Amino acid sequence: MGSAKSVGPLIFLLATLLYITNSYPDLDFSHIGCEECTLKKSKVFSRDQPIFQCQGCCFSRAYPTPLRVKKFMMNPKNITSEAACCTASSSHEVKVKNFVVRNHTGCYCGTCIYHKI
């Protein structure tokens, strides 16, 4: 009898958690902690004047490698991945103390390349 009393609250708790989980079916948890690619004020460089930098996340995807491409690969792989990074579409140089910094004026999701400050 003692074990039946402790199972009741456990089943109730499990049922409640399942109900809460099913109440939000349209939530996309893949981008938690990663905001959209936008201009944000830099906390490091914005002391004397506002300096904006592109920050945020863009997409990444994976797809099967086409056979014609696979023939020419040194190490053929079945999956090819592609990613886009949050990059500045336009910017201008600004001098902050003794450093030259790029103040971004527009952002977009583009091909991932080496980023400069």
N, C-alpha and C. Protein backbone atom coordinates (compact mmCIF):
# COMPACT_ATOMS: atom_id res chain seq x y z
N MET A 1 0.81 -1.20 0.00
CA MET A 1 0.00 0.00 0.00
C MET A 1 0.85 1.27 0.00
N GLY A 2 1.99 1.22 0.69
CA GLY A 2 2.84 2.40 0.77
C GLY A 2 3.39 2.82 -0.58
N SER A 3 3.71 1.84 -1.45
CA SER A 3 4.24 2.17 -2.77
C SER A 3 3.17 2.74 -3.68
N ALA A 4 1.93 2.36 -3.50
CA ALA A 4 0.83 2.89 -4.32
C ALA A 4 0.61 4.36 -4.02
N LYS A 5 0.84 4.79 -2.78
CA LYS A 5 0.66 6.20 -2.42
C LYS A 5 1.75 7.08 -3.05
N SER A 6 2.96 6.56 -3.18
CA SER A 6 4.05 7.36 -3.76
C SER A 6 3.99 7.38 -5.28
N VAL A 7 3.33 6.40 -5.89
CA VAL A 7 3.22 6.36 -7.35
C VAL A 7 2.19 7.37 -7.84
N GLY A 8 1.16 7.61 -7.05
CA GLY A 8 0.09 8.55 -7.44
C GLY A 8 0.62 9.94 -7.76
N PRO A 9 1.35 10.58 -6.84
CA PRO A 9 1.89 11.92 -7.15
C PRO A 9 2.88 11.91 -8.32
N LEU A 10 3.62 10.82 -8.46
CA LEU A 10 4.56 10.72 -9.58
C LEU A 10 3.82 10.68 -10.91
N ILE A 11 2.75 9.92 -10.99
CA ILE A 11 1.95 9.87 -12.23
C ILE A 11 1.29 11.22 -12.49
N PHE A 12 0.82 11.88 -11.44
CA PHE A 12 0.23 13.21 -11.60
C PHE A 12 1.25 14.21 -12.12
N LEU A 13 2.47 14.17 -11.59
CA LEU A 13 3.53 15.07 -12.04
C LEU A 13 3.88 14.80 -13.50
N LEU A 14 4.01 13.54 -13.87
CA LEU A 14 4.31 13.17 -15.25
C LEU A 14 3.21 13.62 -16.20
N ALA A 15 1.97 13.43 -15.82
CA ALA A 15 0.84 13.84 -16.66
C ALA A 15 0.82 15.36 -16.84
N THR A 16 1.14 16.09 -15.77
CA THR A 16 1.19 17.56 -15.84
C THR A 16 2.29 18.02 -16.78
N LEU A 17 3.46 17.42 -16.69
CA LEU A 17 4.57 17.79 -17.58
C LEU A 17 4.23 17.49 -19.04
N LEU A 18 3.61 16.36 -19.30
CA LEU A 18 3.20 16.03 -20.67
C LEU A 18 2.16 17.00 -21.19
N TYR A 19 1.23 17.42 -20.34
CA TYR A 19 0.22 18.39 -20.74
C TYR A 19 0.86 19.73 -21.11
N ILE A 20 1.81 20.19 -20.28
CA ILE A 20 2.49 21.46 -20.55
C ILE A 20 3.29 21.37 -21.84
N THR A 21 3.98 20.26 -22.06
CA THR A 21 4.77 20.08 -23.28
C THR A 21 3.89 20.09 -24.52
N ASN A 22 2.74 19.43 -24.45
CA ASN A 22 1.84 19.39 -25.60
C ASN A 22 1.08 20.69 -25.81
N SER A 23 1.07 21.57 -24.83
CA SER A 23 0.36 22.84 -24.96
C SER A 23 1.09 23.81 -25.89
N TYR A 24 2.37 23.61 -26.10
CA TYR A 24 3.18 24.49 -26.94
C TYR A 24 3.79 23.72 -28.10
N PRO A 25 3.00 23.23 -29.06
CA PRO A 25 3.56 22.40 -30.13
C PRO A 25 4.31 23.19 -31.21
N ASP A 26 4.04 24.49 -31.32
CA ASP A 26 4.63 25.25 -32.42
C ASP A 26 5.91 25.97 -32.05
N LEU A 27 6.45 25.73 -30.89
CA LEU A 27 7.69 26.39 -30.50
C LEU A 27 8.87 25.75 -31.22
N ASP A 28 9.77 26.60 -31.72
CA ASP A 28 10.98 26.13 -32.38
C ASP A 28 12.15 26.34 -31.43
N PHE A 29 12.67 25.25 -30.86
CA PHE A 29 13.75 25.35 -29.88
C PHE A 29 15.13 25.33 -30.50
N SER A 30 15.25 25.34 -31.83
CA SER A 30 16.56 25.25 -32.47
C SER A 30 17.36 26.54 -32.37
N HIS A 31 16.70 27.69 -32.14
CA HIS A 31 17.43 28.96 -32.10
C HIS A 31 17.42 29.60 -30.72
N ILE A 32 17.25 28.81 -29.68
CA ILE A 32 17.24 29.36 -28.33
C ILE A 32 18.64 29.88 -28.03
N GLY A 33 18.71 31.12 -27.56
CA GLY A 33 19.98 31.73 -27.22
C GLY A 33 20.70 32.34 -28.41
N CYS A 34 20.07 32.34 -29.56
CA CYS A 34 20.70 32.89 -30.75
C CYS A 34 19.68 33.76 -31.48
N GLU A 35 19.90 35.06 -31.43
CA GLU A 35 18.96 36.00 -32.02
C GLU A 35 19.24 36.20 -33.51
N GLU A 36 18.31 36.84 -34.18
CA GLU A 36 18.42 37.12 -35.60
C GLU A 36 19.58 38.09 -35.87
N CYS A 37 20.15 38.02 -37.05
CA CYS A 37 21.27 38.86 -37.46
C CYS A 37 20.82 40.33 -37.55
N THR A 38 21.31 41.18 -36.64
CA THR A 38 20.95 42.60 -36.63
C THR A 38 22.12 43.43 -36.12
N LEU A 39 21.98 44.74 -36.27
CA LEU A 39 22.97 45.67 -35.72
C LEU A 39 22.74 45.81 -34.21
N LYS A 40 23.83 45.74 -33.44
CA LYS A 40 23.73 45.94 -32.00
C LYS A 40 24.86 46.85 -31.56
N LYS A 41 24.56 47.65 -30.59
CA LYS A 41 25.56 48.58 -30.06
C LYS A 41 26.64 47.80 -29.33
N SER A 42 27.88 48.05 -29.69
CA SER A 42 29.02 47.36 -29.08
C SER A 42 29.27 47.92 -27.68
N LYS A 43 29.28 47.03 -26.70
CA LYS A 43 29.54 47.45 -25.32
C LYS A 43 31.02 47.79 -25.10
N VAL A 44 31.88 47.15 -25.89
CA VAL A 44 33.32 47.34 -25.72
C VAL A 44 33.78 48.68 -26.30
N PHE A 45 33.34 49.01 -27.51
CA PHE A 45 33.86 50.19 -28.20
C PHE A 45 33.00 51.44 -28.02
N SER A 46 31.77 51.33 -27.55
CA SER A 46 30.86 52.48 -27.45
C SER A 46 31.03 53.22 -26.13
N ARG A 47 32.14 53.88 -25.97
CA ARG A 47 32.34 54.67 -24.75
C ARG A 47 32.15 56.15 -25.05
N ASP A 48 32.84 56.65 -26.09
CA ASP A 48 32.73 58.07 -26.44
C ASP A 48 31.62 58.30 -27.47
N GLN A 49 31.43 57.37 -28.35
CA GLN A 49 30.43 57.48 -29.41
C GLN A 49 29.82 56.11 -29.67
N PRO A 50 28.60 56.05 -30.20
CA PRO A 50 27.97 54.74 -30.44
C PRO A 50 28.62 54.02 -31.62
N ILE A 51 29.08 52.80 -31.39
CA ILE A 51 29.67 51.94 -32.42
C ILE A 51 28.77 50.71 -32.55
N PHE A 52 28.34 50.42 -33.78
CA PHE A 52 27.44 49.29 -34.01
C PHE A 52 28.18 48.16 -34.71
N GLN A 53 27.88 46.94 -34.30
CA GLN A 53 28.48 45.74 -34.89
C GLN A 53 27.35 44.76 -35.23
N CYS A 54 27.56 43.95 -36.27
CA CYS A 54 26.59 42.93 -36.65
C CYS A 54 26.72 41.75 -35.70
N GLN A 55 25.61 41.32 -35.13
CA GLN A 55 25.62 40.19 -34.22
C GLN A 55 24.37 39.37 -34.45
N GLY A 56 24.48 38.08 -34.24
CA GLY A 56 23.33 37.20 -34.36
C GLY A 56 23.64 35.96 -35.15
N CYS A 57 22.61 35.19 -35.45
CA CYS A 57 22.77 33.91 -36.12
C CYS A 57 22.08 33.90 -37.47
N CYS A 58 22.60 33.08 -38.34
CA CYS A 58 22.00 32.84 -39.64
C CYS A 58 21.80 31.34 -39.81
N PHE A 59 21.39 30.94 -40.97
CA PHE A 59 21.06 29.53 -41.19
C PHE A 59 22.29 28.68 -41.47
N SER A 60 22.13 27.41 -41.31
CA SER A 60 23.09 26.43 -41.80
C SER A 60 22.27 25.23 -42.23
N ARG A 61 22.73 24.55 -43.26
CA ARG A 61 21.99 23.39 -43.75
C ARG A 61 22.95 22.34 -44.27
N ALA A 62 22.46 21.14 -44.35
CA ALA A 62 23.24 20.03 -44.88
C ALA A 62 22.38 19.31 -45.92
N TYR A 63 23.03 18.85 -46.98
CA TYR A 63 22.32 18.14 -48.05
C TYR A 63 23.24 17.08 -48.64
N PRO A 64 22.67 16.08 -49.32
CA PRO A 64 23.51 15.04 -49.94
C PRO A 64 24.41 15.63 -51.02
N THR A 65 25.65 15.19 -51.06
CA THR A 65 26.59 15.67 -52.07
C THR A 65 26.21 15.10 -53.44
N PRO A 66 26.10 15.95 -54.48
CA PRO A 66 25.79 15.45 -55.82
C PRO A 66 26.89 14.51 -56.33
N LEU A 67 26.51 13.49 -57.08
CA LEU A 67 27.47 12.49 -57.57
C LEU A 67 28.55 13.12 -58.45
N ARG A 68 28.17 14.07 -59.31
CA ARG A 68 29.17 14.69 -60.20
C ARG A 68 30.23 15.46 -59.42
N VAL A 69 29.86 16.03 -58.28
CA VAL A 69 30.82 16.75 -57.43
C VAL A 69 31.66 15.76 -56.64
N LYS A 70 31.04 14.68 -56.20
CA LYS A 70 31.72 13.68 -55.38
C LYS A 70 32.88 13.03 -56.13
N LYS A 71 32.76 12.90 -57.46
CA LYS A 71 33.81 12.27 -58.28
C LYS A 71 35.12 13.05 -58.22
N PHE A 72 35.04 14.37 -58.06
CA PHE A 72 36.23 15.21 -58.09
C PHE A 72 36.80 15.54 -56.71
N MET A 73 36.18 15.02 -55.66
CA MET A 73 36.67 15.28 -54.30
C MET A 73 37.85 14.36 -53.97
N MET A 74 38.84 14.92 -53.28
CA MET A 74 39.98 14.10 -52.85
C MET A 74 39.52 13.08 -51.81
N ASN A 75 38.70 13.52 -50.87
CA ASN A 75 38.11 12.64 -49.86
C ASN A 75 36.60 12.74 -50.00
N PRO A 76 35.99 11.89 -50.81
CA PRO A 76 34.54 12.00 -51.02
C PRO A 76 33.76 11.86 -49.72
N LYS A 77 32.76 12.72 -49.58
CA LYS A 77 31.88 12.65 -48.41
C LYS A 77 30.43 12.70 -48.88
N ASN A 78 29.58 12.05 -48.15
CA ASN A 78 28.18 11.92 -48.56
C ASN A 78 27.35 13.15 -48.26
N ILE A 79 27.74 13.91 -47.25
CA ILE A 79 26.97 15.09 -46.84
C ILE A 79 27.80 16.34 -47.06
N THR A 80 27.19 17.35 -47.66
CA THR A 80 27.82 18.65 -47.83
C THR A 80 27.05 19.65 -46.98
N SER A 81 27.76 20.48 -46.25
CA SER A 81 27.09 21.46 -45.41
C SER A 81 27.39 22.86 -45.93
N GLU A 82 26.46 23.74 -45.66
CA GLU A 82 26.58 25.13 -46.09
C GLU A 82 26.13 25.99 -44.92
N ALA A 83 26.83 27.07 -44.67
CA ALA A 83 26.47 27.94 -43.56
C ALA A 83 26.55 29.39 -44.00
N ALA A 84 25.77 30.23 -43.35
CA ALA A 84 25.80 31.66 -43.59
C ALA A 84 26.10 32.35 -42.26
N CYS A 85 26.88 33.42 -42.33
CA CYS A 85 27.25 34.16 -41.13
C CYS A 85 26.69 35.57 -41.19
N CYS A 86 26.54 36.15 -40.04
CA CYS A 86 26.05 37.53 -39.93
C CYS A 86 27.21 38.47 -40.30
N THR A 87 27.09 39.12 -41.47
CA THR A 87 28.17 39.97 -41.97
C THR A 87 27.67 41.38 -42.24
N ALA A 88 28.59 42.31 -42.24
CA ALA A 88 28.24 43.71 -42.49
C ALA A 88 28.08 43.94 -43.99
N SER A 89 26.97 44.56 -44.38
CA SER A 89 26.77 44.90 -45.79
C SER A 89 27.42 46.25 -46.11
N SER A 90 27.50 47.11 -45.12
CA SER A 90 28.17 48.40 -45.30
C SER A 90 28.74 48.85 -43.95
N SER A 91 29.85 49.56 -44.02
CA SER A 91 30.49 50.04 -42.80
C SER A 91 31.45 51.17 -43.13
N HIS A 92 31.92 51.84 -42.12
CA HIS A 92 32.95 52.86 -42.30
C HIS A 92 33.89 52.81 -41.10
N GLU A 93 35.12 53.28 -41.31
CA GLU A 93 36.13 53.22 -40.26
C GLU A 93 35.97 54.39 -39.30
N VAL A 94 36.14 54.09 -38.02
CA VAL A 94 36.04 55.09 -36.97
C VAL A 94 37.23 54.88 -36.04
N LYS A 95 37.80 55.96 -35.56
CA LYS A 95 38.92 55.85 -34.63
C LYS A 95 38.39 55.96 -33.21
N VAL A 96 38.65 54.92 -32.41
CA VAL A 96 38.26 54.90 -31.01
C VAL A 96 39.55 54.79 -30.21
N LYS A 97 39.86 55.86 -29.47
CA LYS A 97 41.14 55.97 -28.75
C LYS A 97 42.28 55.77 -29.77
N ASN A 98 43.06 54.69 -29.66
CA ASN A 98 44.16 54.46 -30.60
C ASN A 98 43.85 53.36 -31.60
N PHE A 99 42.61 52.88 -31.62
CA PHE A 99 42.23 51.77 -32.50
C PHE A 99 41.34 52.25 -33.62
N VAL A 100 41.51 51.63 -34.78
CA VAL A 100 40.61 51.88 -35.90
C VAL A 100 39.60 50.74 -35.92
N VAL A 101 38.32 51.07 -35.82
CA VAL A 101 37.24 50.09 -35.72
C VAL A 101 36.26 50.33 -36.86
N ARG A 102 35.64 49.26 -37.36
CA ARG A 102 34.62 49.39 -38.40
C ARG A 102 33.27 49.55 -37.74
N ASN A 103 32.60 50.65 -38.02
CA ASN A 103 31.26 50.91 -37.52
C ASN A 103 30.28 50.42 -38.58
N HIS A 104 29.59 49.32 -38.30
CA HIS A 104 28.69 48.73 -39.29
C HIS A 104 27.40 49.54 -39.40
N THR A 105 26.91 49.65 -40.62
CA THR A 105 25.66 50.39 -40.86
C THR A 105 24.57 49.50 -41.44
N GLY A 106 24.90 48.27 -41.81
CA GLY A 106 23.91 47.33 -42.33
C GLY A 106 24.41 45.91 -42.22
N CYS A 107 23.49 44.95 -42.01
CA CYS A 107 23.86 43.54 -41.84
C CYS A 107 23.04 42.65 -42.76
N TYR A 108 23.60 41.50 -43.10
CA TYR A 108 22.89 40.48 -43.85
C TYR A 108 23.53 39.13 -43.57
N CYS A 109 22.83 38.06 -43.92
CA CYS A 109 23.37 36.71 -43.77
C CYS A 109 24.10 36.36 -45.07
N GLY A 110 25.42 36.30 -45.01
CA GLY A 110 26.22 36.01 -46.21
C GLY A 110 27.18 34.87 -45.97
N THR A 111 27.98 34.56 -46.99
CA THR A 111 28.94 33.48 -46.90
C THR A 111 29.92 33.73 -45.76
N CYS A 112 30.20 32.71 -44.99
CA CYS A 112 31.12 32.85 -43.86
C CYS A 112 32.54 33.06 -44.36
N ILE A 113 33.12 34.19 -44.02
CA ILE A 113 34.50 34.51 -44.36
C ILE A 113 35.17 35.09 -43.12
N TYR A 114 36.44 35.34 -43.22
CA TYR A 114 37.18 35.92 -42.10
C TYR A 114 36.61 37.29 -41.76
N HIS A 115 36.32 37.51 -40.47
CA HIS A 115 35.74 38.78 -40.03
C HIS A 115 36.82 39.68 -39.47
N LYS A 116 36.73 40.96 -39.80
CA LYS A 116 37.63 41.96 -39.24
C LYS A 116 36.84 42.86 -38.31
N ILE A 117 37.49 43.37 -37.27
CA ILE A 117 36.83 44.28 -36.34
C ILE A 117 36.67 45.63 -37.00
